Amino acid sequence: MPDAPPAPAGAATGSPSPAIAADPQTAALSPSAAAPPAGGNPAGGTPADTAPSADTAPNPAGGNIDIRALADCWIQVRAANQTIVFSRVLKAGETYRVPRAGLLLRTGNAGALAVTVDGKPAPAIGGVGAMRRNVALDPEALLAGTAARG
């Protein structure tokens, strides 16, 4: 029997992927801690929260935004029409990659989040315990410190 051709890069191979997505076409979450036990749900969220990401490539327009949890912290990312794109507690050390422009962030503990734009740290969006709504996930606004609106 001839050997099977190698799978193309990014193709499913039967092994679990470390990426976790809220919407398989838009968002990626990558824990920096060890992989969860086989069959476990590392997110504790819904099955949609744990589907492998089909789009983990960087934002083609540049301005990649990463949100890293310094401590366990609830975040919710919404589209301009208020549709929820991602919503769950990030565990300390996990990083959420913002999938596209035009999204807004809500969090119950702004001081527990570190935001970077293309690897460059952005100013804090608030202090420990500060609730934030409608934080513009826009690279320029984040770097300028003007993204938090409420």
N, C-alpha and C. Protein backbone atom coordinates (compact mmCIF):
# COMPACT_ATOMS: atom_id res chain seq x y z
N MET A 1 0.86 -1.18 0.00
CA MET A 1 0.00 0.00 0.00
C MET A 1 0.89 1.23 0.00
N PRO A 2 0.71 2.18 -0.93
CA PRO A 2 1.58 3.36 -0.99
C PRO A 2 1.33 4.27 0.20
N ASP A 3 2.38 5.03 0.56
CA ASP A 3 2.25 6.00 1.66
C ASP A 3 1.30 7.11 1.24
N ALA A 4 0.53 7.58 2.21
CA ALA A 4 -0.41 8.68 1.94
C ALA A 4 0.40 9.97 1.81
N PRO A 5 -0.03 10.88 0.93
CA PRO A 5 0.68 12.16 0.80
C PRO A 5 0.56 12.95 2.10
N PRO A 6 1.55 13.80 2.41
CA PRO A 6 1.48 14.59 3.63
C PRO A 6 0.29 15.55 3.58
N ALA A 7 -0.27 15.80 4.75
CA ALA A 7 -1.42 16.71 4.83
C ALA A 7 -0.94 18.13 4.59
N PRO A 8 -1.74 18.97 3.92
CA PRO A 8 -1.35 20.36 3.71
C PRO A 8 -1.26 21.08 5.05
N ALA A 9 -0.45 22.13 5.08
CA ALA A 9 -0.28 22.91 6.30
C ALA A 9 -1.63 23.41 6.77
N GLY A 10 -1.90 23.26 8.05
CA GLY A 10 -3.15 23.73 8.63
C GLY A 10 -4.29 22.74 8.52
N ALA A 11 -4.07 21.61 7.84
CA ALA A 11 -5.14 20.62 7.70
C ALA A 11 -5.29 19.84 8.99
N ALA A 12 -6.49 19.34 9.22
CA ALA A 12 -6.75 18.56 10.43
C ALA A 12 -6.00 17.24 10.34
N THR A 13 -5.34 16.86 11.42
CA THR A 13 -4.57 15.62 11.44
C THR A 13 -5.08 14.65 12.48
N GLY A 14 -6.16 14.98 13.14
CA GLY A 14 -6.70 14.11 14.17
C GLY A 14 -6.18 14.47 15.55
N SER A 15 -5.16 15.30 15.66
CA SER A 15 -4.67 15.69 16.97
C SER A 15 -5.32 17.01 17.35
N PRO A 16 -5.51 17.24 18.65
CA PRO A 16 -6.19 18.45 19.08
C PRO A 16 -5.34 19.69 18.78
N SER A 17 -6.01 20.77 18.49
CA SER A 17 -5.35 22.04 18.21
C SER A 17 -5.30 22.88 19.48
N PRO A 18 -4.20 23.62 19.70
CA PRO A 18 -4.15 24.47 20.89
C PRO A 18 -4.99 25.73 20.74
N ALA A 19 -5.44 26.06 19.53
CA ALA A 19 -6.23 27.27 19.33
C ALA A 19 -7.68 27.01 19.72
N ILE A 20 -8.30 28.00 20.29
CA ILE A 20 -9.70 27.93 20.68
C ILE A 20 -10.37 29.15 20.07
N ALA A 21 -11.56 28.99 19.53
CA ALA A 21 -12.23 30.11 18.88
C ALA A 21 -13.67 30.24 19.32
N ALA A 22 -14.13 31.48 19.42
CA ALA A 22 -15.53 31.73 19.72
C ALA A 22 -16.35 31.53 18.45
N ASP A 23 -15.86 31.99 17.36
CA ASP A 23 -16.49 31.85 16.06
C ASP A 23 -15.40 31.28 15.17
N PRO A 24 -15.52 30.05 14.71
CA PRO A 24 -14.44 29.41 13.97
C PRO A 24 -13.94 30.23 12.79
N GLN A 25 -14.73 31.17 12.30
CA GLN A 25 -14.28 31.95 11.16
C GLN A 25 -13.65 33.28 11.58
N THR A 26 -13.68 33.62 12.89
CA THR A 26 -13.23 34.97 13.23
C THR A 26 -12.28 35.11 14.39
N ALA A 27 -12.24 34.21 15.35
CA ALA A 27 -11.50 34.51 16.57
C ALA A 27 -10.59 33.37 16.99
N ALA A 28 -9.49 33.72 17.63
CA ALA A 28 -8.57 32.70 18.13
C ALA A 28 -8.18 33.03 19.56
N LEU A 29 -8.03 31.99 20.34
CA LEU A 29 -7.59 32.13 21.71
C LEU A 29 -6.48 31.13 21.91
N SER A 30 -5.37 31.57 22.43
CA SER A 30 -4.28 30.63 22.64
C SER A 30 -3.80 30.71 24.08
N PRO A 31 -3.95 29.61 24.82
CA PRO A 31 -3.46 29.60 26.18
C PRO A 31 -1.94 29.49 26.16
N SER A 32 -1.27 30.16 27.10
CA SER A 32 0.17 30.03 27.17
C SER A 32 0.55 29.00 28.22
N ALA A 33 -0.45 28.40 28.85
CA ALA A 33 -0.21 27.34 29.82
C ALA A 33 -0.22 25.99 29.10
N ALA A 34 0.01 24.93 29.84
CA ALA A 34 0.02 23.59 29.27
C ALA A 34 -1.34 23.23 28.70
N ALA A 35 -1.35 22.31 27.75
CA ALA A 35 -2.59 21.89 27.11
C ALA A 35 -3.49 21.18 28.11
N PRO A 36 -4.82 21.31 27.97
CA PRO A 36 -5.75 20.66 28.88
C PRO A 36 -5.75 19.15 28.65
N PRO A 37 -6.28 18.39 29.60
CA PRO A 37 -6.36 16.94 29.43
C PRO A 37 -7.22 16.61 28.22
N ALA A 38 -6.93 15.49 27.59
CA ALA A 38 -7.70 15.07 26.42
C ALA A 38 -9.17 14.94 26.78
N GLY A 39 -10.00 15.48 25.91
CA GLY A 39 -11.44 15.39 26.12
C GLY A 39 -11.98 16.45 27.07
N GLY A 40 -11.10 17.23 27.68
CA GLY A 40 -11.57 18.26 28.61
C GLY A 40 -11.91 19.52 27.88
N ASN A 41 -12.73 20.35 28.47
CA ASN A 41 -13.08 21.64 27.90
C ASN A 41 -12.28 22.68 28.66
N PRO A 42 -11.15 23.19 28.10
CA PRO A 42 -10.31 24.10 28.84
C PRO A 42 -10.98 25.43 29.10
N ALA A 43 -11.96 25.81 28.29
CA ALA A 43 -12.59 27.10 28.44
C ALA A 43 -13.72 27.08 29.44
N GLY A 44 -14.32 25.93 29.62
CA GLY A 44 -15.49 25.88 30.48
C GLY A 44 -16.67 26.57 29.82
N GLY A 45 -16.57 26.87 28.54
CA GLY A 45 -17.62 27.58 27.84
C GLY A 45 -18.47 26.64 27.01
N THR A 46 -19.16 27.20 26.06
CA THR A 46 -20.01 26.41 25.20
C THR A 46 -19.16 25.75 24.12
N PRO A 47 -19.69 24.73 23.44
CA PRO A 47 -18.92 24.09 22.37
C PRO A 47 -18.44 25.08 21.32
N ALA A 48 -19.20 26.13 21.02
CA ALA A 48 -18.76 27.11 20.05
C ALA A 48 -17.50 27.82 20.52
N ASP A 49 -17.32 27.94 21.84
CA ASP A 49 -16.13 28.59 22.39
C ASP A 49 -14.88 27.76 22.18
N THR A 50 -15.02 26.47 21.91
CA THR A 50 -13.86 25.60 21.87
C THR A 50 -13.60 24.98 20.51
N ALA A 51 -14.31 25.40 19.48
CA ALA A 51 -14.08 24.85 18.15
C ALA A 51 -12.74 25.32 17.62
N PRO A 52 -12.00 24.45 16.92
CA PRO A 52 -10.73 24.90 16.35
C PRO A 52 -10.94 26.07 15.40
N SER A 53 -10.02 26.99 15.41
CA SER A 53 -10.14 28.18 14.59
C SER A 53 -9.79 27.89 13.15
N ALA A 54 -10.62 28.35 12.24
CA ALA A 54 -10.32 28.21 10.82
C ALA A 54 -9.50 29.40 10.34
N ASP A 55 -9.44 30.46 11.14
CA ASP A 55 -8.75 31.67 10.71
C ASP A 55 -7.88 32.19 11.85
N THR A 56 -6.68 31.65 11.98
CA THR A 56 -5.78 32.13 13.03
C THR A 56 -4.67 32.97 12.44
N ALA A 57 -4.79 33.33 11.17
CA ALA A 57 -3.78 34.16 10.52
C ALA A 57 -3.86 35.58 11.06
N PRO A 58 -2.76 36.31 11.00
CA PRO A 58 -2.78 37.70 11.45
C PRO A 58 -3.76 38.53 10.63
N ASN A 59 -4.19 39.64 11.22
CA ASN A 59 -5.08 40.57 10.55
C ASN A 59 -4.37 41.06 9.28
N PRO A 60 -4.95 40.83 8.10
CA PRO A 60 -4.27 41.21 6.87
C PRO A 60 -3.99 42.70 6.75
N ALA A 61 -4.77 43.53 7.43
CA ALA A 61 -4.57 44.97 7.37
C ALA A 61 -3.50 45.45 8.36
N GLY A 62 -2.95 44.53 9.16
CA GLY A 62 -2.00 44.93 10.19
C GLY A 62 -2.74 45.36 11.43
N GLY A 63 -2.01 45.77 12.45
CA GLY A 63 -2.64 46.20 13.68
C GLY A 63 -3.22 45.05 14.46
N ASN A 64 -2.49 43.94 14.57
CA ASN A 64 -2.97 42.79 15.33
C ASN A 64 -3.08 43.14 16.80
N ILE A 65 -4.26 42.89 17.37
CA ILE A 65 -4.53 43.20 18.77
C ILE A 65 -4.64 41.91 19.54
N ASP A 66 -3.85 41.81 20.61
CA ASP A 66 -3.91 40.67 21.52
C ASP A 66 -4.31 41.16 22.90
N ILE A 67 -5.22 40.43 23.53
CA ILE A 67 -5.66 40.74 24.89
C ILE A 67 -5.21 39.58 25.76
N ARG A 68 -4.31 39.85 26.71
CA ARG A 68 -3.78 38.79 27.58
C ARG A 68 -4.31 39.00 28.99
N ALA A 69 -4.77 37.92 29.59
CA ALA A 69 -5.29 37.96 30.97
C ALA A 69 -4.12 37.84 31.94
N LEU A 70 -3.98 38.82 32.82
CA LEU A 70 -2.97 38.78 33.88
C LEU A 70 -3.51 38.01 35.07
N ALA A 71 -4.83 37.97 35.18
CA ALA A 71 -5.56 37.20 36.19
C ALA A 71 -6.84 36.74 35.50
N ASP A 72 -7.54 35.76 36.07
CA ASP A 72 -8.80 35.32 35.47
C ASP A 72 -9.69 36.54 35.28
N CYS A 73 -10.24 36.68 34.08
CA CYS A 73 -11.00 37.89 33.77
C CYS A 73 -12.04 37.62 32.69
N TRP A 74 -13.28 38.04 32.94
CA TRP A 74 -14.34 37.91 31.95
C TRP A 74 -14.17 38.98 30.90
N ILE A 75 -14.28 38.57 29.63
CA ILE A 75 -14.32 39.54 28.54
C ILE A 75 -15.46 39.15 27.60
N GLN A 76 -15.96 40.16 26.93
CA GLN A 76 -16.95 39.95 25.88
C GLN A 76 -16.60 40.88 24.74
N VAL A 77 -16.56 40.33 23.55
CA VAL A 77 -16.26 41.11 22.34
C VAL A 77 -17.52 41.11 21.49
N ARG A 78 -17.93 42.31 21.08
CA ARG A 78 -19.15 42.47 20.31
C ARG A 78 -18.87 43.21 19.00
N ALA A 79 -19.69 42.92 18.03
CA ALA A 79 -19.66 43.66 16.77
C ALA A 79 -20.41 44.97 16.97
N ALA A 80 -20.30 45.88 16.01
CA ALA A 80 -20.98 47.17 16.11
C ALA A 80 -22.49 47.02 16.26
N ASN A 81 -23.06 45.94 15.71
CA ASN A 81 -24.50 45.71 15.82
C ASN A 81 -24.87 44.98 17.11
N GLN A 82 -23.92 44.86 18.05
CA GLN A 82 -24.08 44.25 19.37
C GLN A 82 -24.12 42.72 19.35
N THR A 83 -23.87 42.09 18.21
CA THR A 83 -23.77 40.64 18.14
C THR A 83 -22.53 40.20 18.91
N ILE A 84 -22.67 39.20 19.76
CA ILE A 84 -21.54 38.72 20.55
C ILE A 84 -20.64 37.86 19.66
N VAL A 85 -19.37 38.23 19.61
CA VAL A 85 -18.36 37.50 18.85
C VAL A 85 -17.64 36.51 19.75
N PHE A 86 -17.39 36.91 21.00
CA PHE A 86 -16.65 36.08 21.96
C PHE A 86 -17.05 36.50 23.35
N SER A 87 -17.29 35.53 24.24
CA SER A 87 -17.66 35.85 25.60
C SER A 87 -17.31 34.70 26.52
N ARG A 88 -16.36 34.93 27.43
CA ARG A 88 -16.03 33.94 28.44
C ARG A 88 -14.95 34.49 29.36
N VAL A 89 -14.63 33.73 30.39
CA VAL A 89 -13.55 34.10 31.31
C VAL A 89 -12.24 33.63 30.72
N LEU A 90 -11.31 34.57 30.52
CA LEU A 90 -9.96 34.20 30.14
C LEU A 90 -9.23 33.82 31.42
N LYS A 91 -8.56 32.72 31.41
CA LYS A 91 -7.75 32.30 32.55
C LYS A 91 -6.43 33.05 32.51
N ALA A 92 -5.84 33.26 33.66
CA ALA A 92 -4.55 33.96 33.74
C ALA A 92 -3.57 33.33 32.76
N GLY A 93 -2.94 34.16 31.94
CA GLY A 93 -1.98 33.68 30.97
C GLY A 93 -2.54 33.44 29.59
N GLU A 94 -3.86 33.35 29.44
CA GLU A 94 -4.45 33.14 28.11
C GLU A 94 -4.46 34.44 27.33
N THR A 95 -4.36 34.31 26.02
CA THR A 95 -4.37 35.47 25.12
C THR A 95 -5.46 35.28 24.08
N TYR A 96 -6.25 36.33 23.87
CA TYR A 96 -7.28 36.34 22.85
C TYR A 96 -6.81 37.26 21.72
N ARG A 97 -6.79 36.76 20.50
CA ARG A 97 -6.42 37.56 19.33
C ARG A 97 -7.70 38.13 18.73
N VAL A 98 -7.79 39.44 18.66
CA VAL A 98 -8.96 40.11 18.09
C VAL A 98 -8.98 39.80 16.59
N PRO A 99 -10.09 39.25 16.09
CA PRO A 99 -10.12 38.74 14.72
C PRO A 99 -10.25 39.78 13.62
N ARG A 100 -10.84 40.93 13.92
CA ARG A 100 -11.08 41.91 12.85
C ARG A 100 -11.35 43.29 13.46
N ALA A 101 -11.34 44.27 12.62
CA ALA A 101 -11.59 45.66 13.04
C ALA A 101 -13.07 45.87 13.33
N GLY A 102 -13.39 46.95 14.03
CA GLY A 102 -14.77 47.35 14.26
C GLY A 102 -15.44 46.66 15.44
N LEU A 103 -14.68 46.00 16.31
CA LEU A 103 -15.26 45.30 17.45
C LEU A 103 -15.11 46.12 18.72
N LEU A 104 -15.95 45.80 19.70
CA LEU A 104 -15.95 46.49 20.99
C LEU A 104 -15.76 45.47 22.12
N LEU A 105 -15.05 45.88 23.17
CA LEU A 105 -14.75 45.02 24.30
C LEU A 105 -15.53 45.46 25.53
N ARG A 106 -16.00 44.46 26.29
CA ARG A 106 -16.57 44.68 27.63
C ARG A 106 -15.79 43.80 28.58
N THR A 107 -15.54 44.29 29.78
CA THR A 107 -14.85 43.49 30.78
C THR A 107 -15.26 43.94 32.17
N GLY A 108 -15.19 43.02 33.10
CA GLY A 108 -15.51 43.32 34.49
C GLY A 108 -14.29 43.67 35.32
N ASN A 109 -13.09 43.56 34.75
CA ASN A 109 -11.86 43.86 35.49
C ASN A 109 -10.79 44.32 34.52
N ALA A 110 -10.87 45.58 34.10
CA ALA A 110 -9.97 46.12 33.09
C ALA A 110 -8.50 46.00 33.48
N GLY A 111 -8.20 46.10 34.77
CA GLY A 111 -6.82 46.04 35.23
C GLY A 111 -6.20 44.66 35.14
N ALA A 112 -7.01 43.64 34.85
CA ALA A 112 -6.50 42.28 34.72
C ALA A 112 -6.14 41.94 33.28
N LEU A 113 -6.20 42.95 32.40
CA LEU A 113 -5.92 42.71 30.99
C LEU A 113 -4.71 43.52 30.53
N ALA A 114 -3.87 42.90 29.72
CA ALA A 114 -2.76 43.59 29.06
C ALA A 114 -3.04 43.52 27.57
N VAL A 115 -3.08 44.68 26.93
CA VAL A 115 -3.40 44.75 25.50
C VAL A 115 -2.14 45.13 24.74
N THR A 116 -1.90 44.42 23.64
CA THR A 116 -0.79 44.78 22.76
C THR A 116 -1.30 44.93 21.33
N VAL A 117 -0.65 45.82 20.61
CA VAL A 117 -0.95 46.04 19.20
C VAL A 117 0.34 45.76 18.44
N ASP A 118 0.33 44.75 17.60
CA ASP A 118 1.52 44.31 16.88
C ASP A 118 2.69 44.11 17.84
N GLY A 119 2.39 43.57 19.03
CA GLY A 119 3.42 43.28 20.02
C GLY A 119 3.81 44.46 20.89
N LYS A 120 3.31 45.64 20.60
CA LYS A 120 3.64 46.84 21.38
C LYS A 120 2.58 47.05 22.47
N PRO A 121 2.99 47.18 23.74
CA PRO A 121 2.02 47.36 24.81
C PRO A 121 1.21 48.65 24.65
N ALA A 122 -0.09 48.52 24.84
CA ALA A 122 -0.99 49.68 24.82
C ALA A 122 -1.21 50.13 26.26
N PRO A 123 -1.56 51.41 26.47
CA PRO A 123 -1.89 51.87 27.83
C PRO A 123 -3.05 51.06 28.40
N ALA A 124 -3.08 50.92 29.72
CA ALA A 124 -4.15 50.19 30.40
C ALA A 124 -5.50 50.80 30.06
N ILE A 125 -6.50 49.94 29.93
CA ILE A 125 -7.85 50.44 29.65
C ILE A 125 -8.62 50.73 30.93
N GLY A 126 -8.00 50.47 32.08
CA GLY A 126 -8.62 50.75 33.37
C GLY A 126 -7.87 50.06 34.49
N GLY A 127 -8.25 50.37 35.71
CA GLY A 127 -7.60 49.80 36.87
C GLY A 127 -8.21 48.47 37.29
N VAL A 128 -7.61 47.86 38.30
CA VAL A 128 -8.09 46.59 38.83
C VAL A 128 -9.51 46.79 39.35
N GLY A 129 -10.41 45.93 38.91
CA GLY A 129 -11.80 45.98 39.33
C GLY A 129 -12.67 46.93 38.53
N ALA A 130 -12.07 47.69 37.60
CA ALA A 130 -12.85 48.66 36.81
C ALA A 130 -13.62 47.95 35.71
N MET A 131 -14.91 48.21 35.65
CA MET A 131 -15.74 47.67 34.58
C MET A 131 -15.62 48.61 33.38
N ARG A 132 -15.46 48.04 32.21
CA ARG A 132 -15.38 48.84 30.99
C ARG A 132 -16.35 48.28 29.96
N ARG A 133 -17.03 49.19 29.27
CA ARG A 133 -17.93 48.83 28.18
C ARG A 133 -17.55 49.66 26.97
N ASN A 134 -17.79 49.12 25.81
CA ASN A 134 -17.56 49.83 24.56
C ASN A 134 -16.13 50.31 24.37
N VAL A 135 -15.15 49.47 24.75
CA VAL A 135 -13.75 49.77 24.48
C VAL A 135 -13.51 49.45 23.01
N ALA A 136 -13.13 50.46 22.23
CA ALA A 136 -12.91 50.28 20.80
C ALA A 136 -11.67 49.43 20.58
N LEU A 137 -11.83 48.31 19.91
CA LEU A 137 -10.70 47.46 19.61
C LEU A 137 -10.10 47.92 18.28
N ASP A 138 -9.58 49.13 18.34
CA ASP A 138 -8.97 49.81 17.21
C ASP A 138 -7.51 50.05 17.54
N PRO A 139 -6.58 49.61 16.69
CA PRO A 139 -5.15 49.73 17.01
C PRO A 139 -4.72 51.14 17.39
N GLU A 140 -5.12 52.14 16.61
CA GLU A 140 -4.69 53.52 16.89
C GLU A 140 -5.26 54.03 18.21
N ALA A 141 -6.55 53.78 18.47
CA ALA A 141 -7.17 54.25 19.70
C ALA A 141 -6.56 53.56 20.92
N LEU A 142 -6.27 52.26 20.80
CA LEU A 142 -5.66 51.54 21.92
C LEU A 142 -4.28 52.10 22.23
N LEU A 143 -3.45 52.30 21.21
CA LEU A 143 -2.10 52.82 21.44
C LEU A 143 -2.12 54.26 21.96
N ALA A 144 -3.13 55.03 21.56
CA ALA A 144 -3.24 56.42 22.01
C ALA A 144 -3.86 56.52 23.40
N GLY A 145 -4.41 55.42 23.92
CA GLY A 145 -5.05 55.45 25.23
C GLY A 145 -6.44 56.04 25.21
N THR A 146 -7.07 56.09 24.03
CA THR A 146 -8.40 56.69 23.91
C THR A 146 -9.49 55.68 23.58
N ALA A 147 -9.19 54.40 23.68
CA ALA A 147 -10.15 53.35 23.29
C ALA A 147 -11.27 53.15 24.30
N ALA A 148 -10.99 53.35 25.58
CA ALA A 148 -12.00 53.11 26.62
C ALA A 148 -12.97 54.28 26.65
N ARG A 149 -14.25 53.97 26.44
CA ARG A 149 -15.29 55.01 26.40
C ARG A 149 -16.24 54.92 27.57
N GLY A 150 -16.16 53.89 28.34
CA GLY A 150 -17.10 53.80 29.46
C GLY A 150 -17.02 52.50 30.19
